[in-house]
């Protein structure tokens, strides 16, 4: 892929389809240690503040991942691991 003189690129069709984006969609570039990811930005609902949007997105993520069957304690163990000095697990 090559940048134009205006530093633009064309997002390949299969990527656009996978992300569900098209003309007018908002996207963001997320920098990581292994490179850059293109992500779709979910638009705020009309009249929704940034804080309300954050709460809504967190609730939606919670609903999505609730189906994992993991308890809150199991999720905490996965995210931070057991504490060797206080947790004998």
PDB file of N, CA and C in Angstrom:
ATOM      1  N   UNK A   1       0.850  -1.161   0.000  1.00  0.00           N
ATOM      2  CA  UNK A   1       0.000   0.000   0.000  1.00  0.00           C
ATOM      3  C   UNK A   1       0.901   1.230   0.000  1.00  0.00           C
ATOM      4  N   UNK A   2       0.497   2.225  -0.732  1.00  0.00           N
ATOM      5  CA  UNK A   2       1.314   3.424  -0.863  1.00  0.00           C
ATOM      6  C   UNK A   2       0.488   4.661  -0.511  1.00  0.00           C
ATOM      7  N   UNK A   3       1.114   5.604   0.172  1.00  0.00           N
ATOM      8  CA  UNK A   3       0.458   6.866   0.502  1.00  0.00           C
ATOM      9  C   UNK A   3       0.399   7.766  -0.725  1.00  0.00           C
ATOM     10  N   UNK A   4      -0.699   8.519  -0.849  1.00  0.00           N
ATOM     11  CA  UNK A   4      -0.791   9.520  -1.910  1.00  0.00           C
ATOM     12  C   UNK A   4      -0.001  10.750  -1.483  1.00  0.00           C
ATOM     13  N   UNK A   5       0.035  11.750  -2.343  1.00  0.00           N
ATOM     14  CA  UNK A   5       0.738  12.996  -2.000  1.00  0.00           C
ATOM     15  C   UNK A   5       0.115  13.677  -0.790  1.00  0.00           C
ATOM     16  N   UNK A   6      -1.158  13.401  -0.532  1.00  0.00           N
ATOM     17  CA  UNK A   6      -1.845  13.977   0.630  1.00  0.00           C
ATOM     18  C   UNK A   6      -1.806  13.034   1.834  1.00  0.00           C
ATOM     19  N   UNK A   7      -0.937  12.029   1.785  1.00  0.00           N
ATOM     20  CA  UNK A   7      -0.782  11.036   2.859  1.00  0.00           C
ATOM     21  C   UNK A   7      -2.049  10.218   3.087  1.00  0.00           C
ATOM     22  N   UNK A   8      -2.792   9.931   2.033  1.00  0.00           N
ATOM     23  CA  UNK A   8      -4.004   9.133   2.123  1.00  0.00           C
ATOM     24  C   UNK A   8      -3.744   7.733   1.590  1.00  0.00           C
ATOM     25  N   UNK A   9      -4.552   6.782   2.067  1.00  0.00           N
ATOM     26  CA  UNK A   9      -4.505   5.415   1.552  1.00  0.00           C
ATOM     27  C   UNK A   9      -5.928   4.971   1.244  1.00  0.00           C
ATOM     28  N   UNK A  10      -6.054   3.985   0.382  1.00  0.00           N
ATOM     29  CA  UNK A  10      -7.342   3.367   0.116  1.00  0.00           C
ATOM     30  C   UNK A  10      -7.435   2.110   0.966  1.00  0.00           C
ATOM     31  N   UNK A  11      -8.475   2.040   1.786  1.00  0.00           N
ATOM     32  CA  UNK A  11      -8.673   0.862   2.629  1.00  0.00           C
ATOM     33  C   UNK A  11      -9.219  -0.248   1.732  1.00  0.00           C
ATOM     34  N   UNK A  12      -8.551  -1.397   1.712  1.00  0.00           N
ATOM     35  CA  UNK A  12      -9.002  -2.494   0.849  1.00  0.00           C
ATOM     36  C   UNK A  12     -10.454  -2.895   1.137  1.00  0.00           C
ATOM     37  N   UNK A  13     -11.147  -3.324   0.097  1.00  0.00           N
ATOM     38  CA  UNK A  13     -12.565  -3.672   0.195  1.00  0.00           C
ATOM     39  C   UNK A  13     -12.832  -4.708   1.280  1.00  0.00           C
ATOM     40  N   UNK A  14     -12.007  -5.750   1.359  1.00  0.00           N
ATOM     41  CA  UNK A  14     -12.269  -6.802   2.354  1.00  0.00           C
ATOM     42  C   UNK A  14     -12.133  -6.262   3.778  1.00  0.00           C
ATOM     43  N   UNK A  15     -11.240  -5.283   3.979  1.00  0.00           N
ATOM     44  CA  UNK A  15     -11.097  -4.667   5.303  1.00  0.00           C
ATOM     45  C   UNK A  15     -12.316  -3.796   5.601  1.00  0.00           C
ATOM     46  N   UNK A  16     -12.756  -3.008   4.617  1.00  0.00           N
ATOM     47  CA  UNK A  16     -13.954  -2.173   4.794  1.00  0.00           C
ATOM     48  C   UNK A  16     -15.163  -3.031   5.135  1.00  0.00           C
ATOM     49  N   UNK A  17     -15.310  -4.142   4.428  1.00  0.00           N
ATOM     50  CA  UNK A  17     -16.446  -5.031   4.688  1.00  0.00           C
ATOM     51  C   UNK A  17     -16.360  -5.653   6.077  1.00  0.00           C
ATOM     52  N   UNK A  18     -15.172  -6.081   6.465  1.00  0.00           N
ATOM     53  CA  UNK A  18     -14.977  -6.713   7.781  1.00  0.00           C
ATOM     54  C   UNK A  18     -15.290  -5.729   8.914  1.00  0.00           C
ATOM     55  N   UNK A  19     -14.871  -4.463   8.747  1.00  0.00           N
ATOM     56  CA  UNK A  19     -15.119  -3.452   9.772  1.00  0.00           C
ATOM     57  C   UNK A  19     -16.517  -2.851   9.675  1.00  0.00           C
ATOM     58  N   UNK A  20     -17.176  -3.075   8.551  1.00  0.00           N
ATOM     59  CA  UNK A  20     -18.493  -2.473   8.356  1.00  0.00           C
ATOM     60  C   UNK A  20     -18.415  -0.972   8.164  1.00  0.00           C
ATOM     61  N   UNK A  21     -17.407  -0.523   7.416  1.00  0.00           N
ATOM     62  CA  UNK A  21     -17.228   0.910   7.188  1.00  0.00           C
ATOM     63  C   UNK A  21     -17.409   1.244   5.717  1.00  0.00           C
ATOM     64  N   UNK A  22     -17.684   2.501   5.470  1.00  0.00           N
ATOM     65  CA  UNK A  22     -17.845   2.991   4.111  1.00  0.00           C
ATOM     66  C   UNK A  22     -17.647   4.495   4.113  1.00  0.00           C
ATOM     67  N   UNK A  23     -17.972   5.147   3.011  1.00  0.00           N
ATOM     68  CA  UNK A  23     -17.815   6.599   2.946  1.00  0.00           C
ATOM     69  C   UNK A  23     -18.535   7.287   4.108  1.00  0.00           C
ATOM     70  N   UNK A  24     -17.836   8.169   4.793  1.00  0.00           N
ATOM     71  CA  UNK A  24     -18.412   8.885   5.928  1.00  0.00           C
ATOM     72  C   UNK A  24     -18.228   8.203   7.270  1.00  0.00           C
ATOM     73  N   UNK A  25     -17.782   6.945   7.277  1.00  0.00           N
ATOM     74  CA  UNK A  25     -17.545   6.242   8.544  1.00  0.00           C
ATOM     75  C   UNK A  25     -16.353   6.868   9.257  1.00  0.00           C
ATOM     76  N   UNK A  26     -16.398   6.836  10.576  1.00  0.00           N
ATOM     77  CA  UNK A  26     -15.263   7.317  11.355  1.00  0.00           C
ATOM     78  C   UNK A  26     -14.391   6.137  11.750  1.00  0.00           C
ATOM     79  N   UNK A  27     -13.087   6.316  11.590  1.00  0.00           N
ATOM     80  CA  UNK A  27     -12.117   5.295  11.976  1.00  0.00           C
ATOM     81  C   UNK A  27     -11.021   5.953  12.797  1.00  0.00           C
ATOM     82  N   UNK A  28     -10.257   5.134  13.476  1.00  0.00           N
ATOM     83  CA  UNK A  28      -9.134   5.623  14.260  1.00  0.00           C
ATOM     84  C   UNK A  28      -7.968   4.676  14.063  1.00  0.00           C
ATOM     85  N   UNK A  29      -6.778   5.189  14.259  1.00  0.00           N
ATOM     86  CA  UNK A  29      -5.569   4.385  14.199  1.00  0.00           C
ATOM     87  C   UNK A  29      -5.073   4.196  15.622  1.00  0.00           C
ATOM     88  N   UNK A  30      -4.886   2.934  16.024  1.00  0.00           N
ATOM     89  CA  UNK A  30      -4.428   2.613  17.369  1.00  0.00           C
ATOM     90  C   UNK A  30      -2.994   2.112  17.266  1.00  0.00           C
ATOM     91  N   UNK A  31      -2.076   2.846  17.902  1.00  0.00           N
ATOM     92  CA  UNK A  31      -0.666   2.465  17.881  1.00  0.00           C
ATOM     93  C   UNK A  31      -0.391   1.419  18.947  1.00  0.00           C
ATOM     94  N   UNK A  32       0.376   0.399  18.581  1.00  0.00           N
ATOM     95  CA  UNK A  32       0.770  -0.641  19.520  1.00  0.00           C
ATOM     96  C   UNK A  32       2.225  -0.996  19.303  1.00  0.00           C
ATOM     97  N   UNK A  33       2.756  -1.838  20.166  1.00  0.00           N
ATOM     98  CA  UNK A  33       4.155  -2.249  20.036  1.00  0.00           C
ATOM     99  C   UNK A  33       4.408  -3.006  18.738  1.00  0.00           C
ATOM    100  N   UNK A  34       3.368  -3.685  18.242  1.00  0.00           N
ATOM    101  CA  UNK A  34       3.535  -4.506  17.045  1.00  0.00           C
ATOM    102  C   UNK A  34       3.072  -3.813  15.769  1.00  0.00           C
ATOM    103  N   UNK A  35       2.694  -2.546  15.848  1.00  0.00           N
ATOM    104  CA  UNK A  35       2.277  -1.816  14.651  1.00  0.00           C
ATOM    105  C   UNK A  35       1.062  -0.948  14.912  1.00  0.00           C
ATOM    106  N   UNK A  36       0.269  -0.761  13.869  1.00  0.00           N
ATOM    107  CA  UNK A  36      -0.900   0.111  13.926  1.00  0.00           C
ATOM    108  C   UNK A  36      -2.137  -0.684  13.531  1.00  0.00           C
ATOM    109  N   UNK A  37      -3.246  -0.452  14.244  1.00  0.00           N
ATOM    110  CA  UNK A  37      -4.513  -1.098  13.891  1.00  0.00           C
ATOM    111  C   UNK A  37      -5.511  -0.029  13.481  1.00  0.00           C
ATOM    112  N   UNK A  38      -6.314  -0.340  12.489  1.00  0.00           N
ATOM    113  CA  UNK A  38      -7.410   0.516  12.060  1.00  0.00           C
ATOM    114  C   UNK A  38      -8.672   0.011  12.739  1.00  0.00           C
ATOM    115  N   UNK A  39      -9.369   0.882  13.470  1.00  0.00           N
ATOM    116  CA  UNK A  39     -10.578   0.472  14.167  1.00  0.00           C
ATOM    117  C   UNK A  39     -11.731   1.400  13.809  1.00  0.00           C
ATOM    118  N   UNK A  40     -12.923   0.835  13.776  1.00  0.00           N
ATOM    119  CA  UNK A  40     -14.129   1.613  13.521  1.00  0.00           C
ATOM    120  C   UNK A  40     -14.493   2.365  14.794  1.00  0.00           C
ATOM    121  N   UNK A  41     -14.809   3.638  14.668  1.00  0.00           N
ATOM    122  CA  UNK A  41     -15.254   4.440  15.802  1.00  0.00           C
ATOM    123  C   UNK A  41     -16.772   4.376  15.837  1.00  0.00           C
ATOM    124  N   UNK A  42     -17.301   3.919  16.959  1.00  0.00           N
ATOM    125  CA  UNK A  42     -18.751   3.844  17.110  1.00  0.00           C
ATOM    126  C   UNK A  42     -19.278   5.252  17.363  1.00  0.00           C
ATOM    127  N   UNK A  43     -20.191   5.717  16.543  1.00  0.00           N
ATOM    128  CA  UNK A  43     -20.701   7.083  16.716  1.00  0.00           C
ATOM    129  C   UNK A  43     -21.534   7.214  17.983  1.00  0.00           C
ATOM    130  N   UNK A  44     -21.500   8.401  18.565  1.00  0.00           N
ATOM    131  CA  UNK A  44     -22.334   8.681  19.728  1.00  0.00           C
ATOM    132  C   UNK A  44     -23.781   8.805  19.274  1.00  0.00           C
ATOM    133  N   UNK A  45     -24.686   8.426  20.147  1.00  0.00           N
ATOM    134  CA  UNK A  45     -26.103   8.616  19.859  1.00  0.00           C
ATOM    135  C   UNK A  45     -26.421  10.103  19.957  1.00  0.00           C
ATOM    136  N   UNK A  46     -27.445  10.533  19.272  1.00  0.00           N
ATOM    137  CA  UNK A  46     -27.794  11.950  19.264  1.00  0.00           C
ATOM    138  C   UNK A  46     -28.007  12.450  20.687  1.00  0.00           C
ATOM    139  N   UNK A  47     -27.324  13.532  21.053  1.00  0.00           N
ATOM    140  CA  UNK A  47     -27.453  14.129  22.374  1.00  0.00           C
ATOM    141  C   UNK A  47     -26.665  13.425  23.466  1.00  0.00           C
ATOM    142  N   UNK A  48     -25.929  12.383  23.126  1.00  0.00           N
ATOM    143  CA  UNK A  48     -25.181  11.601  24.113  1.00  0.00           C
ATOM    144  C   UNK A  48     -23.849  12.285  24.414  1.00  0.00           C
ATOM    145  N   UNK A  49     -23.526  12.438  25.704  1.00  0.00           N
ATOM    146  CA  UNK A  49     -22.236  13.008  26.083  1.00  0.00           C
ATOM    147  C   UNK A  49     -21.150  11.937  25.964  1.00  0.00           C
ATOM    148  N   UNK A  50     -19.894  12.361  26.041  1.00  0.00           N
ATOM    149  CA  UNK A  50     -18.790  11.394  25.983  1.00  0.00           C
ATOM    150  C   UNK A  50     -18.869  10.405  27.140  1.00  0.00           C
ATOM    151  N   UNK A  51     -19.222  10.897  28.323  1.00  0.00           N
ATOM    152  CA  UNK A  51     -19.352  10.017  29.482  1.00  0.00           C
ATOM    153  C   UNK A  51     -20.469   9.001  29.309  1.00  0.00           C
ATOM    154  N   UNK A  52     -21.603   9.461  28.785  1.00  0.00           N
ATOM    155  CA  UNK A  52     -22.723   8.550  28.543  1.00  0.00           C
ATOM    156  C   UNK A  52     -22.351   7.510  27.495  1.00  0.00           C
ATOM    157  N   UNK A  53     -21.611   7.943  26.479  1.00  0.00           N
ATOM    158  CA  UNK A  53     -21.179   7.012  25.428  1.00  0.00           C
ATOM    159  C   UNK A  53     -20.260   5.944  26.018  1.00  0.00           C
ATOM    160  N   UNK A  54     -19.328   6.374  26.876  1.00  0.00           N
ATOM    161  CA  UNK A  54     -18.412   5.430  27.508  1.00  0.00           C
ATOM    162  C   UNK A  54     -19.182   4.398  28.327  1.00  0.00           C
ATOM    163  N   UNK A  55     -20.124   4.861  29.130  1.00  0.00           N
ATOM    164  CA  UNK A  55     -20.916   3.940  29.953  1.00  0.00           C
ATOM    165  C   UNK A  55     -21.687   2.968  29.066  1.00  0.00           C
ATOM    166  N   UNK A  56     -22.296   3.477  27.990  1.00  0.00           N
ATOM    167  CA  UNK A  56     -23.059   2.609  27.080  1.00  0.00           C
ATOM    168  C   UNK A  56     -22.162   1.545  26.458  1.00  0.00           C
ATOM    169  N   UNK A  57     -20.980   1.963  25.979  1.00  0.00           N
ATOM    170  CA  UNK A  57     -20.074   1.004  25.342  1.00  0.00           C
ATOM    171  C   UNK A  57     -19.567  -0.037  26.334  1.00  0.00           C
ATOM    172  N   UNK A  58     -19.305   0.372  27.573  1.00  0.00           N
ATOM    173  CA  UNK A  58     -18.873  -0.586  28.595  1.00  0.00           C
ATOM    174  C   UNK A  58     -19.985  -1.584  28.916  1.00  0.00           C
ATOM    175  N   UNK A  59     -21.209  -1.096  28.991  1.00  0.00           N
ATOM    176  CA  UNK A  59     -22.336  -2.008  29.241  1.00  0.00           C
ATOM    177  C   UNK A  59     -22.505  -3.000  28.099  1.00  0.00           C
ATOM    178  N   UNK A  60     -22.385  -2.496  26.857  1.00  0.00           N
ATOM    179  CA  UNK A  60     -22.504  -3.384  25.701  1.00  0.00           C
ATOM    180  C   UNK A  60     -21.405  -4.442  25.711  1.00  0.00           C
ATOM    181  N   UNK A  61     -20.183  -4.024  26.063  1.00  0.00           N
ATOM    182  CA  UNK A  61     -19.073  -4.982  26.136  1.00  0.00           C
ATOM    183  C   UNK A  61     -19.340  -6.003  27.234  1.00  0.00           C
ATOM    184  N   UNK A  62     -19.876  -5.546  28.365  1.00  0.00           N
ATOM    185  CA  UNK A  62     -20.204  -6.458  29.454  1.00  0.00           C
ATOM    186  C   UNK A  62     -21.235  -7.493  29.040  1.00  0.00           C
ATOM    187  N   UNK A  63     -22.247  -7.055  28.304  1.00  0.00           N
ATOM    188  CA  UNK A  63     -23.265  -7.987  27.815  1.00  0.00           C
ATOM    189  C   UNK A  63     -22.656  -8.997  26.853  1.00  0.00           C
ATOM    190  N   UNK A  64     -21.778  -8.522  26.001  1.00  0.00           N
ATOM    191  CA  UNK A  64     -21.150  -9.401  25.004  1.00  0.00           C
ATOM    192  C   UNK A  64     -20.291 -10.463  25.681  1.00  0.00           C
ATOM    193  N   UNK A  65     -19.490 -10.049  26.663  1.00  0.00           N
ATOM    194  CA  UNK A  65     -18.549 -10.978  27.276  1.00  0.00           C
ATOM    195  C   UNK A  65     -19.138 -11.723  28.461  1.00  0.00           C
ATOM    196  N   UNK A  66     -20.329 -11.355  28.895  1.00  0.00           N
ATOM    197  CA  UNK A  66     -20.996 -12.082  29.974  1.00  0.00           C
ATOM    198  C   UNK A  66     -21.254 -13.517  29.544  1.00  0.00           C
ATOM    199  N   UNK A  67     -21.415 -13.719  28.265  1.00  0.00           N
ATOM    200  CA  UNK A  67     -21.708 -15.040  27.722  1.00  0.00           C
ATOM    201  C   UNK A  67     -20.506 -15.983  27.800  1.00  0.00           C
ATOM    202  N   UNK A  68     -19.370 -15.484  28.283  1.00  0.00           N
ATOM    203  CA  UNK A  68     -18.172 -16.313  28.339  1.00  0.00           C
ATOM    204  C   UNK A  68     -18.283 -17.417  29.383  1.00  0.00           C
ATOM    205  N   UNK A  69     -19.188 -17.251  30.352  1.00  0.00           N
ATOM    206  CA  UNK A  69     -19.353 -18.253  31.389  1.00  0.00           C
ATOM    207  C   UNK A  69     -18.335 -18.136  32.508  1.00  0.00           C
ATOM    208  N   UNK A  70     -17.506 -17.110  32.487  1.00  0.00           N
ATOM    209  CA  UNK A  70     -16.514 -16.916  33.535  1.00  0.00           C
ATOM    210  C   UNK A  70     -17.108 -16.087  34.665  1.00  0.00           C
ATOM    211  N   UNK A  71     -16.727 -16.431  35.890  1.00  0.00           N
ATOM    212  CA  UNK A  71     -17.158 -15.635  37.034  1.00  0.00           C
ATOM    213  C   UNK A  71     -16.287 -14.385  37.121  1.00  0.00           C
ATOM    214  N   UNK A  72     -16.711 -13.432  37.941  1.00  0.00           N
ATOM    215  CA  UNK A  72     -15.927 -12.212  38.126  1.00  0.00           C
ATOM    216  C   UNK A  72     -14.533 -12.547  38.662  1.00  0.00           C
ATOM    217  N   UNK A  73     -14.449 -13.499  39.600  1.00  0.00           N
ATOM    218  CA  UNK A  73     -13.143 -13.887  40.150  1.00  0.00           C
ATOM    219  C   UNK A  73     -12.245 -14.501  39.077  1.00  0.00           C
ATOM    220  N   UNK A  74     -12.822 -15.318  38.205  1.00  0.00           N
ATOM    221  CA  UNK A  74     -12.027 -15.925  37.127  1.00  0.00           C
ATOM    222  C   UNK A  74     -11.520 -14.867  36.149  1.00  0.00           C
ATOM    223  N   UNK A  75     -12.362 -13.890  35.851  1.00  0.00           N
ATOM    224  CA  UNK A  75     -11.937 -12.801  34.961  1.00  0.00           C
ATOM    225  C   UNK A  75     -10.818 -12.003  35.609  1.00  0.00           C
ATOM    226  N   UNK A  76     -10.943 -11.717  36.912  1.00  0.00           N
ATOM    227  CA  UNK A  76      -9.890 -10.976  37.615  1.00  0.00           C
ATOM    228  C   UNK A  76      -8.579 -11.758  37.605  1.00  0.00           C
ATOM    229  N   UNK A  77      -8.648 -13.075  37.805  1.00  0.00           N
ATOM    230  CA  UNK A  77      -7.441 -13.900  37.754  1.00  0.00           C
ATOM    231  C   UNK A  77      -6.781 -13.834  36.381  1.00  0.00           C
ATOM    232  N   UNK A  78      -7.593 -13.813  35.334  1.00  0.00           N
ATOM    233  CA  UNK A  78      -7.041 -13.733  33.981  1.00  0.00           C
ATOM    234  C   UNK A  78      -6.385 -12.386  33.712  1.00  0.00           C
ATOM    235  N   UNK A  79      -6.939 -11.318  34.285  1.00  0.00           N
ATOM    236  CA  UNK A  79      -6.404  -9.993  33.998  1.00  0.00           C
ATOM    237  C   UNK A  79      -5.196  -9.631  34.847  1.00  0.00           C
ATOM    238  N   UNK A  80      -5.143 -10.118  36.072  1.00  0.00           N
ATOM    239  CA  UNK A  80      -3.992  -9.748  36.899  1.00  0.00           C
ATOM    240  C   UNK A  80      -3.276 -10.928  37.526  1.00  0.00           C
ATOM    241  N   UNK A  81      -3.840 -12.114  37.452  1.00  0.00           N
ATOM    242  CA  UNK A  81      -3.193 -13.296  37.992  1.00  0.00           C
ATOM    243  C   UNK A  81      -3.301 -13.355  39.501  1.00  0.00           C
ATOM    244  N   UNK A  82      -3.005 -14.511  40.079  1.00  0.00           N
ATOM    245  CA  UNK A  82      -3.057 -14.641  41.539  1.00  0.00           C
ATOM    246  C   UNK A  82      -1.901 -13.884  42.189  1.00  0.00           C
ATOM    247  N   UNK A  83      -2.131 -13.417  43.405  1.00  0.00           N
ATOM    248  CA  UNK A  83      -1.079 -12.756  44.168  1.00  0.00           C
ATOM    249  C   UNK A  83      -0.360 -13.820  44.985  1.00  0.00           C
ATOM    250  N   UNK A  84       0.897 -14.073  44.664  1.00  0.00           N
ATOM    251  CA  UNK A  84       1.646 -15.132  45.334  1.00  0.00           C
ATOM    252  C   UNK A  84       1.783 -14.903  46.829  1.00  0.00           C
ATOM    253  N   UNK A  85       1.866 -13.641  47.248  1.00  0.00           N
ATOM    254  CA  UNK A  85       2.102 -13.373  48.661  1.00  0.00           C
ATOM    255  C   UNK A  85       0.833 -13.466  49.514  1.00  0.00           C
ATOM    256  N   UNK A  86      -0.362 -13.417  48.906  1.00  0.00           N
ATOM    257  CA  UNK A  86      -1.588 -13.491  49.694  1.00  0.00           C
ATOM    258  C   UNK A  86      -2.574 -14.532  49.183  1.00  0.00           C
ATOM    259  N   UNK A  87      -2.366 -15.040  48.001  1.00  0.00           N
ATOM    260  CA  UNK A  87      -3.319 -15.963  47.383  1.00  0.00           C
ATOM    261  C   UNK A  87      -2.615 -17.292  47.121  1.00  0.00           C
ATOM    262  N   UNK A  88      -2.975 -18.356  47.852  1.00  0.00           N
ATOM    263  CA  UNK A  88      -2.266 -19.627  47.709  1.00  0.00           C
ATOM    264  C   UNK A  88      -2.573 -20.378  46.416  1.00  0.00           C
ATOM    265  N   UNK A  89      -3.467 -19.849  45.560  1.00  0.00           N
ATOM    266  CA  UNK A  89      -3.820 -20.587  44.335  1.00  0.00           C
ATOM    267  C   UNK A  89      -2.625 -20.816  43.518  1.00  0.00           C
TER     268      UNK A  89
END
